[in-house]
């Protein structure tokens, strides 16, 4: 029987709170607590070498052991493997930002643990145990899209720093299933008049690179995309002074780099009302 931890899916706590609630140790990815009869699983995406991920509602969690082959009889691997019969309640947390533990929910084994090949902390291939887990309660933590976007960007940076050999090993032995999870997003209702005005003011010319639109849309109009110089998510106004029209390439550039020099140029364009 689970104890009343008082947490709701999606709630974020720090490490001290996690220790106080579950009466567990202060570190590690698998923390056993006899006082609360629980096993706290932490999937830390900010520093883990593992490929823990959700696929079709199942969380594939890699067991304990950073180097060499893992054993199903080792420490908390054994606790988790026997959780269907030993009465221990299992709780999952994910970390997307340092020291911020997001409570996902109580989980249980969705099937038998299985083995696969993964690189260890030194980049050497070894055999690990993977535990397929599912939520006990159908209600899942709905995470903001921004959190997962930042996680993906961090992983991309990590991949870019690997040597060719390290990268090939991790790519070849990565899980082939596509990670899928539900997220919450903030949708902004943009002013159609402001958007149309920005496009007409640009007159078919990208207001950043100053080249003609790369193609026409299905109505025969030059294809440009509207962009807010100060992003709406950062408090920018949906106004003609803050809205410009860009080709798709420059639009992606602004969201990838958002250079100060480009922002200043676009501000001048928006305020002057000239297209080139």
C-alpha atoms as a PDB file:
ATOM      1  CA  UNK A   1       0.000   0.000   0.000  1.00  0.00           C
ATOM      2  CA  UNK A   2       1.448   3.401  -0.996  1.00  0.00           C
ATOM      3  CA  UNK A   3       1.898   6.157   1.581  1.00  0.00           C
ATOM      4  CA  UNK A   4       0.509   9.699   1.310  1.00  0.00           C
ATOM      5  CA  UNK A   5       3.380  11.661  -0.197  1.00  0.00           C
ATOM      6  CA  UNK A   6       1.111  14.583  -1.118  1.00  0.00           C
ATOM      7  CA  UNK A   7       2.663  15.195  -4.540  1.00  0.00           C
ATOM      8  CA  UNK A   8       0.764  15.790  -7.767  1.00  0.00           C
ATOM      9  CA  UNK A   9       2.049  14.748 -11.206  1.00  0.00           C
ATOM     10  CA  UNK A  10       4.068  17.586 -12.696  1.00  0.00           C
ATOM     11  CA  UNK A  11       4.935  19.110  -9.311  1.00  0.00           C
ATOM     12  CA  UNK A  12       8.573  20.182  -8.952  1.00  0.00           C
ATOM     13  CA  UNK A  13      10.555  19.835  -5.727  1.00  0.00           C
ATOM     14  CA  UNK A  14      14.218  20.080  -4.757  1.00  0.00           C
ATOM     15  CA  UNK A  15      16.473  17.309  -3.511  1.00  0.00           C
ATOM     16  CA  UNK A  16      16.018  18.177   0.169  1.00  0.00           C
ATOM     17  CA  UNK A  17      12.230  17.985  -0.169  1.00  0.00           C
ATOM     18  CA  UNK A  18      12.514  14.654  -1.979  1.00  0.00           C
ATOM     19  CA  UNK A  19      14.639  13.277   0.874  1.00  0.00           C
ATOM     20  CA  UNK A  20      12.273  14.594   3.532  1.00  0.00           C
ATOM     21  CA  UNK A  21       9.146  13.204   1.855  1.00  0.00           C
ATOM     22  CA  UNK A  22      10.416   9.744   0.953  1.00  0.00           C
ATOM     23  CA  UNK A  23      13.031   9.392   3.737  1.00  0.00           C
ATOM     24  CA  UNK A  24      15.604   8.319   1.170  1.00  0.00           C
ATOM     25  CA  UNK A  25      19.268   9.069   0.492  1.00  0.00           C
ATOM     26  CA  UNK A  26      20.452  12.314  -1.063  1.00  0.00           C
ATOM     27  CA  UNK A  27      21.922  10.931  -4.292  1.00  0.00           C
ATOM     28  CA  UNK A  28      21.666   8.216  -6.896  1.00  0.00           C
ATOM     29  CA  UNK A  29      19.240   7.269  -9.605  1.00  0.00           C
ATOM     30  CA  UNK A  30      17.584   4.537  -7.516  1.00  0.00           C
ATOM     31  CA  UNK A  31      16.939   5.393  -3.860  1.00  0.00           C
ATOM     32  CA  UNK A  32      15.500   2.709  -1.578  1.00  0.00           C
ATOM     33  CA  UNK A  33      13.659   3.773   1.572  1.00  0.00           C
ATOM     34  CA  UNK A  34      12.645   1.156   4.138  1.00  0.00           C
ATOM     35  CA  UNK A  35      10.905   3.802   6.259  1.00  0.00           C
ATOM     36  CA  UNK A  36       8.370   4.565   3.516  1.00  0.00           C
ATOM     37  CA  UNK A  37       8.632   1.181   1.784  1.00  0.00           C
ATOM     38  CA  UNK A  38       9.451   2.929  -1.472  1.00  0.00           C
ATOM     39  CA  UNK A  39      11.943   3.037  -4.301  1.00  0.00           C
ATOM     40  CA  UNK A  40      12.484   6.472  -5.768  1.00  0.00           C
ATOM     41  CA  UNK A  41      13.700   6.419  -9.359  1.00  0.00           C
ATOM     42  CA  UNK A  42      15.370   9.561 -10.687  1.00  0.00           C
ATOM     43  CA  UNK A  43      15.998   9.948 -14.396  1.00  0.00           C
ATOM     44  CA  UNK A  44      18.345  12.940 -14.569  1.00  0.00           C
ATOM     45  CA  UNK A  45      18.441  14.149 -18.166  1.00  0.00           C
ATOM     46  CA  UNK A  46      21.002  16.852 -17.323  1.00  0.00           C
ATOM     47  CA  UNK A  47      23.865  14.451 -16.653  1.00  0.00           C
ATOM     48  CA  UNK A  48      22.831  10.841 -17.198  1.00  0.00           C
ATOM     49  CA  UNK A  49      24.686   8.734 -19.764  1.00  0.00           C
ATOM     50  CA  UNK A  50      21.596   6.582 -20.172  1.00  0.00           C
ATOM     51  CA  UNK A  51      18.868   6.765 -22.806  1.00  0.00           C
ATOM     52  CA  UNK A  52      15.810   6.692 -20.559  1.00  0.00           C
ATOM     53  CA  UNK A  53      12.784   7.553 -22.676  1.00  0.00           C
ATOM     54  CA  UNK A  54       9.031   7.223 -23.094  1.00  0.00           C
ATOM     55  CA  UNK A  55       7.782   5.066 -25.972  1.00  0.00           C
ATOM     56  CA  UNK A  56       4.048   4.424 -26.394  1.00  0.00           C
ATOM     57  CA  UNK A  57       3.327   5.235 -22.761  1.00  0.00           C
ATOM     58  CA  UNK A  58       6.128   3.032 -21.415  1.00  0.00           C
ATOM     59  CA  UNK A  59       9.195   4.512 -19.721  1.00  0.00           C
ATOM     60  CA  UNK A  60      12.306   2.487 -20.509  1.00  0.00           C
ATOM     61  CA  UNK A  61      14.609   2.982 -17.546  1.00  0.00           C
ATOM     62  CA  UNK A  62      18.217   1.766 -17.446  1.00  0.00           C
ATOM     63  CA  UNK A  63      19.362   0.098 -14.222  1.00  0.00           C
ATOM     64  CA  UNK A  64      22.230   0.793 -11.835  1.00  0.00           C
ATOM     65  CA  UNK A  65      25.890   0.455 -12.738  1.00  0.00           C
ATOM     66  CA  UNK A  66      27.936   3.044 -14.646  1.00  0.00           C
ATOM     67  CA  UNK A  67      30.741   0.742 -15.855  1.00  0.00           C
ATOM     68  CA  UNK A  68      30.822  -2.826 -17.095  1.00  0.00           C
ATOM     69  CA  UNK A  69      27.909  -5.219 -17.500  1.00  0.00           C
ATOM     70  CA  UNK A  70      24.971  -4.664 -15.189  1.00  0.00           C
ATOM     71  CA  UNK A  71      23.536  -7.371 -12.961  1.00  0.00           C
ATOM     72  CA  UNK A  72      19.860  -7.905 -12.212  1.00  0.00           C
ATOM     73  CA  UNK A  73      20.867  -9.065  -8.723  1.00  0.00           C
ATOM     74  CA  UNK A  74      22.772  -5.864  -7.954  1.00  0.00           C
ATOM     75  CA  UNK A  75      21.412  -3.476  -5.295  1.00  0.00           C
ATOM     76  CA  UNK A  76      18.233  -1.680  -6.390  1.00  0.00           C
ATOM     77  CA  UNK A  77      18.139  -3.422  -9.767  1.00  0.00           C
ATOM     78  CA  UNK A  78      16.976  -6.430  -7.789  1.00  0.00           C
ATOM     79  CA  UNK A  79      14.466  -4.343  -5.808  1.00  0.00           C
ATOM     80  CA  UNK A  80      12.901  -2.974  -8.981  1.00  0.00           C
ATOM     81  CA  UNK A  81      12.940  -6.332 -10.762  1.00  0.00           C
ATOM     82  CA  UNK A  82      11.022  -7.886  -7.857  1.00  0.00           C
ATOM     83  CA  UNK A  83       8.712  -4.922  -7.203  1.00  0.00           C
ATOM     84  CA  UNK A  84       5.673  -6.895  -8.352  1.00  0.00           C
ATOM     85  CA  UNK A  85       6.129  -9.293  -5.451  1.00  0.00           C
ATOM     86  CA  UNK A  86       8.168  -7.525  -2.757  1.00  0.00           C
ATOM     87  CA  UNK A  87       5.524  -4.882  -1.993  1.00  0.00           C
ATOM     88  CA  UNK A  88       7.815  -1.924  -2.623  1.00  0.00           C
ATOM     89  CA  UNK A  89       6.135   1.120  -4.184  1.00  0.00           C
ATOM     90  CA  UNK A  90       8.060   2.767  -7.027  1.00  0.00           C
ATOM     91  CA  UNK A  91       7.956   6.509  -7.733  1.00  0.00           C
ATOM     92  CA  UNK A  92       9.403   8.204 -10.789  1.00  0.00           C
ATOM     93  CA  UNK A  93      11.002  11.651 -10.982  1.00  0.00           C
ATOM     94  CA  UNK A  94      12.599  13.266 -14.018  1.00  0.00           C
ATOM     95  CA  UNK A  95      15.168  16.077 -13.906  1.00  0.00           C
ATOM     96  CA  UNK A  96      15.295  18.507 -16.832  1.00  0.00           C
ATOM     97  CA  UNK A  97      17.054  21.334 -14.999  1.00  0.00           C
ATOM     98  CA  UNK A  98      19.685  20.900 -12.265  1.00  0.00           C
ATOM     99  CA  UNK A  99      18.210  20.331  -8.804  1.00  0.00           C
ATOM    100  CA  UNK A 100      14.609  20.435 -10.043  1.00  0.00           C
ATOM    101  CA  UNK A 101      12.884  17.084  -9.545  1.00  0.00           C
ATOM    102  CA  UNK A 102       9.616  16.734 -11.481  1.00  0.00           C
ATOM    103  CA  UNK A 103       7.262  14.170  -9.985  1.00  0.00           C
ATOM    104  CA  UNK A 104       5.891  11.975 -12.766  1.00  0.00           C
ATOM    105  CA  UNK A 105       3.924   9.535 -10.650  1.00  0.00           C
ATOM    106  CA  UNK A 106       3.859   6.074  -9.142  1.00  0.00           C
ATOM    107  CA  UNK A 107       4.987   3.448 -11.646  1.00  0.00           C
ATOM    108  CA  UNK A 108       5.099  -0.321 -11.953  1.00  0.00           C
ATOM    109  CA  UNK A 109       6.707  -2.833 -14.247  1.00  0.00           C
ATOM    110  CA  UNK A 110       4.922  -3.072 -17.584  1.00  0.00           C
ATOM    111  CA  UNK A 111       6.771  -6.240 -18.529  1.00  0.00           C
ATOM    112  CA  UNK A 112       9.903  -8.223 -17.813  1.00  0.00           C
ATOM    113  CA  UNK A 113      13.229  -6.355 -17.645  1.00  0.00           C
ATOM    114  CA  UNK A 114      15.274  -6.877 -20.779  1.00  0.00           C
ATOM    115  CA  UNK A 115      18.905  -6.524 -21.801  1.00  0.00           C
ATOM    116  CA  UNK A 116      20.499  -4.363 -24.453  1.00  0.00           C
ATOM    117  CA  UNK A 117      23.883  -2.925 -25.411  1.00  0.00           C
ATOM    118  CA  UNK A 118      24.784   0.602 -24.335  1.00  0.00           C
ATOM    119  CA  UNK A 119      28.064   2.516 -23.915  1.00  0.00           C
ATOM    120  CA  UNK A 120      29.207   2.907 -20.315  1.00  0.00           C
ATOM    121  CA  UNK A 121      30.697   6.019 -18.673  1.00  0.00           C
ATOM    122  CA  UNK A 122      33.970   5.381 -20.520  1.00  0.00           C
ATOM    123  CA  UNK A 123      32.333   4.854 -23.907  1.00  0.00           C
ATOM    124  CA  UNK A 124      32.830   1.070 -23.841  1.00  0.00           C
ATOM    125  CA  UNK A 125      29.960  -1.147 -24.927  1.00  0.00           C
ATOM    126  CA  UNK A 126      28.419  -3.236 -22.173  1.00  0.00           C
ATOM    127  CA  UNK A 127      25.184  -5.083 -21.413  1.00  0.00           C
ATOM    128  CA  UNK A 128      22.613  -3.213 -19.333  1.00  0.00           C
ATOM    129  CA  UNK A 129      19.237  -4.044 -17.874  1.00  0.00           C
ATOM    130  CA  UNK A 130      16.274  -1.925 -18.971  1.00  0.00           C
ATOM    131  CA  UNK A 131      13.060  -1.791 -16.951  1.00  0.00           C
ATOM    132  CA  UNK A 132       9.820  -1.039 -18.848  1.00  0.00           C
ATOM    133  CA  UNK A 133       7.645   1.041 -16.513  1.00  0.00           C
ATOM    134  CA  UNK A 134       4.096   2.328 -16.752  1.00  0.00           C
ATOM    135  CA  UNK A 135       2.148   4.768 -14.629  1.00  0.00           C
ATOM    136  CA  UNK A 136      -0.118   3.207 -12.000  1.00  0.00           C
ATOM    137  CA  UNK A 137      -2.543   6.107 -12.376  1.00  0.00           C
ATOM    138  CA  UNK A 138      -3.629   6.922 -15.916  1.00  0.00           C
ATOM    139  CA  UNK A 139      -3.216  10.629 -15.133  1.00  0.00           C
ATOM    140  CA  UNK A 140       0.235  11.689 -16.295  1.00  0.00           C
ATOM    141  CA  UNK A 141       2.348  14.762 -15.713  1.00  0.00           C
ATOM    142  CA  UNK A 142       1.756  17.229 -18.525  1.00  0.00           C
ATOM    143  CA  UNK A 143       5.090  18.975 -18.997  1.00  0.00           C
ATOM    144  CA  UNK A 144       5.553  22.365 -20.674  1.00  0.00           C
ATOM    145  CA  UNK A 145       6.841  22.106 -24.242  1.00  0.00           C
ATOM    146  CA  UNK A 146       9.700  24.457 -23.337  1.00  0.00           C
ATOM    147  CA  UNK A 147      11.193  21.961 -20.880  1.00  0.00           C
ATOM    148  CA  UNK A 148      11.446  19.208 -23.477  1.00  0.00           C
ATOM    149  CA  UNK A 149      12.751  21.650 -26.087  1.00  0.00           C
ATOM    150  CA  UNK A 150      15.579  22.655 -23.747  1.00  0.00           C
ATOM    151  CA  UNK A 151      16.287  18.996 -23.031  1.00  0.00           C
ATOM    152  CA  UNK A 152      16.578  18.284 -26.761  1.00  0.00           C
ATOM    153  CA  UNK A 153      18.872  21.276 -27.267  1.00  0.00           C
ATOM    154  CA  UNK A 154      21.104  20.080 -24.395  1.00  0.00           C
ATOM    155  CA  UNK A 155      21.320  16.589 -25.872  1.00  0.00           C
ATOM    156  CA  UNK A 156      22.190  18.073 -29.262  1.00  0.00           C
ATOM    157  CA  UNK A 157      25.047  20.042 -27.708  1.00  0.00           C
ATOM    158  CA  UNK A 158      26.308  16.931 -25.939  1.00  0.00           C
ATOM    159  CA  UNK A 159      26.246  14.971 -29.201  1.00  0.00           C
ATOM    160  CA  UNK A 160      28.178  17.702 -31.008  1.00  0.00           C
ATOM    161  CA  UNK A 161      31.048  17.373 -28.500  1.00  0.00           C
ATOM    162  CA  UNK A 162      31.529  13.622 -29.021  1.00  0.00           C
ATOM    163  CA  UNK A 163      34.324  12.243 -31.146  1.00  0.00           C
ATOM    164  CA  UNK A 164      33.362  10.501 -34.392  1.00  0.00           C
ATOM    165  CA  UNK A 165      33.934   7.104 -32.780  1.00  0.00           C
ATOM    166  CA  UNK A 166      31.914   7.918 -29.653  1.00  0.00           C
ATOM    167  CA  UNK A 167      29.108   9.318 -31.760  1.00  0.00           C
ATOM    168  CA  UNK A 168      28.951   6.246 -34.015  1.00  0.00           C
ATOM    169  CA  UNK A 169      28.755   3.885 -31.037  1.00  0.00           C
ATOM    170  CA  UNK A 170      25.940   5.832 -29.399  1.00  0.00           C
ATOM    171  CA  UNK A 171      24.066   6.219 -32.681  1.00  0.00           C
ATOM    172  CA  UNK A 172      24.345   2.543 -33.620  1.00  0.00           C
ATOM    173  CA  UNK A 173      23.205   1.282 -30.236  1.00  0.00           C
ATOM    174  CA  UNK A 174      20.495   3.833 -29.530  1.00  0.00           C
ATOM    175  CA  UNK A 175      16.916   2.708 -29.027  1.00  0.00           C
ATOM    176  CA  UNK A 176      15.078   2.608 -32.334  1.00  0.00           C
ATOM    177  CA  UNK A 177      11.642   3.503 -30.970  1.00  0.00           C
ATOM    178  CA  UNK A 178      10.523   7.115 -31.247  1.00  0.00           C
ATOM    179  CA  UNK A 179      10.154   8.850 -27.893  1.00  0.00           C
ATOM    180  CA  UNK A 180       6.660  10.315 -27.506  1.00  0.00           C
ATOM    181  CA  UNK A 181       5.057  12.141 -24.594  1.00  0.00           C
ATOM    182  CA  UNK A 182       2.221  14.557 -23.938  1.00  0.00           C
ATOM    183  CA  UNK A 183       3.133  18.200 -23.373  1.00  0.00           C
ATOM    184  CA  UNK A 184       1.324  21.422 -22.634  1.00  0.00           C
ATOM    185  CA  UNK A 185       1.818  24.430 -24.852  1.00  0.00           C
ATOM    186  CA  UNK A 186       0.918  28.078 -24.692  1.00  0.00           C
ATOM    187  CA  UNK A 187      -0.915  29.217 -27.809  1.00  0.00           C
ATOM    188  CA  UNK A 188      -0.970  32.882 -28.749  1.00  0.00           C
ATOM    189  CA  UNK A 189      -3.887  34.244 -30.761  1.00  0.00           C
ATOM    190  CA  UNK A 190      -2.120  36.566 -33.168  1.00  0.00           C
ATOM    191  CA  UNK A 191      -3.834  39.610 -34.654  1.00  0.00           C
ATOM    192  CA  UNK A 192      -4.613  38.779 -38.289  1.00  0.00           C
ATOM    193  CA  UNK A 193      -4.652  42.445 -39.278  1.00  0.00           C
ATOM    194  CA  UNK A 194      -1.188  43.069 -37.848  1.00  0.00           C
ATOM    195  CA  UNK A 195       0.153  39.963 -39.590  1.00  0.00           C
ATOM    196  CA  UNK A 196      -1.339  40.912 -42.965  1.00  0.00           C
ATOM    197  CA  UNK A 197      -0.127  44.498 -42.624  1.00  0.00           C
ATOM    198  CA  UNK A 198       3.445  43.313 -41.997  1.00  0.00           C
ATOM    199  CA  UNK A 199       3.376  41.128 -45.113  1.00  0.00           C
ATOM    200  CA  UNK A 200       1.998  43.873 -47.315  1.00  0.00           C
ATOM    201  CA  UNK A 201       4.508  46.358 -45.972  1.00  0.00           C
ATOM    202  CA  UNK A 202       7.304  43.947 -46.895  1.00  0.00           C
ATOM    203  CA  UNK A 203       5.911  43.809 -50.457  1.00  0.00           C
ATOM    204  CA  UNK A 204       7.287  40.334 -51.165  1.00  0.00           C
ATOM    205  CA  UNK A 205      10.786  41.124 -49.849  1.00  0.00           C
ATOM    206  CA  UNK A 206      12.258  39.526 -46.725  1.00  0.00           C
ATOM    207  CA  UNK A 207      12.926  42.313 -44.253  1.00  0.00           C
ATOM    208  CA  UNK A 208      16.134  40.715 -42.985  1.00  0.00           C
ATOM    209  CA  UNK A 209      18.079  39.328 -45.960  1.00  0.00           C
ATOM    210  CA  UNK A 210      16.245  41.713 -48.350  1.00  0.00           C
ATOM    211  CA  UNK A 211      15.789  38.999 -50.973  1.00  0.00           C
ATOM    212  CA  UNK A 212      12.489  38.180 -52.711  1.00  0.00           C
ATOM    213  CA  UNK A 213      10.255  35.530 -51.145  1.00  0.00           C
ATOM    214  CA  UNK A 214      11.537  32.064 -52.195  1.00  0.00           C
ATOM    215  CA  UNK A 215       8.192  31.006 -53.707  1.00  0.00           C
ATOM    216  CA  UNK A 216       4.526  31.929 -53.999  1.00  0.00           C
ATOM    217  CA  UNK A 217       1.813  30.363 -51.882  1.00  0.00           C
ATOM    218  CA  UNK A 218      -1.154  28.515 -53.399  1.00  0.00           C
ATOM    219  CA  UNK A 219      -2.933  31.837 -53.897  1.00  0.00           C
ATOM    220  CA  UNK A 220      -0.044  33.257 -55.891  1.00  0.00           C
ATOM    221  CA  UNK A 221       1.188  35.569 -53.142  1.00  0.00           C
ATOM    222  CA  UNK A 222       4.886  35.816 -52.164  1.00  0.00           C
ATOM    223  CA  UNK A 223       5.449  33.452 -49.240  1.00  0.00           C
ATOM    224  CA  UNK A 224       6.744  35.264 -46.148  1.00  0.00           C
ATOM    225  CA  UNK A 225       6.277  34.435 -42.472  1.00  0.00           C
ATOM    226  CA  UNK A 226       5.475  36.979 -39.788  1.00  0.00           C
ATOM    227  CA  UNK A 227       7.888  37.281 -36.873  1.00  0.00           C
ATOM    228  CA  UNK A 228       7.740  39.219 -33.617  1.00  0.00           C
ATOM    229  CA  UNK A 229      11.017  41.034 -33.001  1.00  0.00           C
ATOM    230  CA  UNK A 230      10.526  40.749 -29.257  1.00  0.00           C
ATOM    231  CA  UNK A 231       8.982  37.295 -28.889  1.00  0.00           C
ATOM    232  CA  UNK A 232       5.470  37.095 -27.465  1.00  0.00           C
ATOM    233  CA  UNK A 233       6.731  34.563 -24.927  1.00  0.00           C
ATOM    234  CA  UNK A 234       9.119  37.244 -23.659  1.00  0.00           C
ATOM    235  CA  UNK A 235       6.510  39.964 -23.351  1.00  0.00           C
ATOM    236  CA  UNK A 236       6.595  41.372 -26.887  1.00  0.00           C
ATOM    237  CA  UNK A 237       3.551  43.160 -28.307  1.00  0.00           C
ATOM    238  CA  UNK A 238       1.479  41.866 -31.183  1.00  0.00           C
ATOM    239  CA  UNK A 239       1.768  45.240 -32.913  1.00  0.00           C
ATOM    240  CA  UNK A 240       2.909  46.635 -36.253  1.00  0.00           C
ATOM    241  CA  UNK A 241       5.948  48.122 -34.488  1.00  0.00           C
ATOM    242  CA  UNK A 242       7.006  44.642 -33.326  1.00  0.00           C
ATOM    243  CA  UNK A 243       6.007  42.539 -36.356  1.00  0.00           C
ATOM    244  CA  UNK A 244       7.960  41.949 -39.557  1.00  0.00           C
ATOM    245  CA  UNK A 245       7.776  39.570 -42.523  1.00  0.00           C
ATOM    246  CA  UNK A 246      10.644  37.156 -43.174  1.00  0.00           C
ATOM    247  CA  UNK A 247      11.532  34.387 -45.578  1.00  0.00           C
ATOM    248  CA  UNK A 248      11.470  30.904 -43.943  1.00  0.00           C
ATOM    249  CA  UNK A 249      15.260  30.762 -43.774  1.00  0.00           C
ATOM    250  CA  UNK A 250      15.610  34.075 -41.942  1.00  0.00           C
ATOM    251  CA  UNK A 251      12.698  33.183 -39.686  1.00  0.00           C
ATOM    252  CA  UNK A 252      14.514  30.035 -38.578  1.00  0.00           C
ATOM    253  CA  UNK A 253      17.689  32.060 -38.159  1.00  0.00           C
ATOM    254  CA  UNK A 254      15.962  34.493 -35.805  1.00  0.00           C
ATOM    255  CA  UNK A 255      14.640  31.661 -33.639  1.00  0.00           C
ATOM    256  CA  UNK A 256      17.975  29.858 -33.648  1.00  0.00           C
ATOM    257  CA  UNK A 257      20.302  32.838 -33.099  1.00  0.00           C
ATOM    258  CA  UNK A 258      18.213  35.940 -32.360  1.00  0.00           C
ATOM    259  CA  UNK A 259      21.225  38.172 -32.958  1.00  0.00           C
ATOM    260  CA  UNK A 260      21.132  41.687 -31.520  1.00  0.00           C
ATOM    261  CA  UNK A 261      22.266  43.191 -34.842  1.00  0.00           C
ATOM    262  CA  UNK A 262      19.391  41.451 -36.662  1.00  0.00           C
ATOM    263  CA  UNK A 263      16.852  42.586 -34.077  1.00  0.00           C
ATOM    264  CA  UNK A 264      18.009  46.184 -34.391  1.00  0.00           C
ATOM    265  CA  UNK A 265      17.758  46.039 -38.189  1.00  0.00           C
ATOM    266  CA  UNK A 266      14.236  44.640 -38.012  1.00  0.00           C
ATOM    267  CA  UNK A 267      13.193  47.293 -35.498  1.00  0.00           C
ATOM    268  CA  UNK A 268      14.301  49.967 -37.945  1.00  0.00           C
ATOM    269  CA  UNK A 269      12.375  48.266 -40.731  1.00  0.00           C
ATOM    270  CA  UNK A 270       9.209  48.010 -38.647  1.00  0.00           C
ATOM    271  CA  UNK A 271       9.376  51.616 -37.487  1.00  0.00           C
ATOM    272  CA  UNK A 272      10.250  53.135 -40.827  1.00  0.00           C
ATOM    273  CA  UNK A 273       7.681  51.100 -42.749  1.00  0.00           C
ATOM    274  CA  UNK A 274      10.051  50.528 -45.690  1.00  0.00           C
ATOM    275  CA  UNK A 275      10.562  47.115 -47.242  1.00  0.00           C
ATOM    276  CA  UNK A 276      14.147  47.443 -48.444  1.00  0.00           C
END
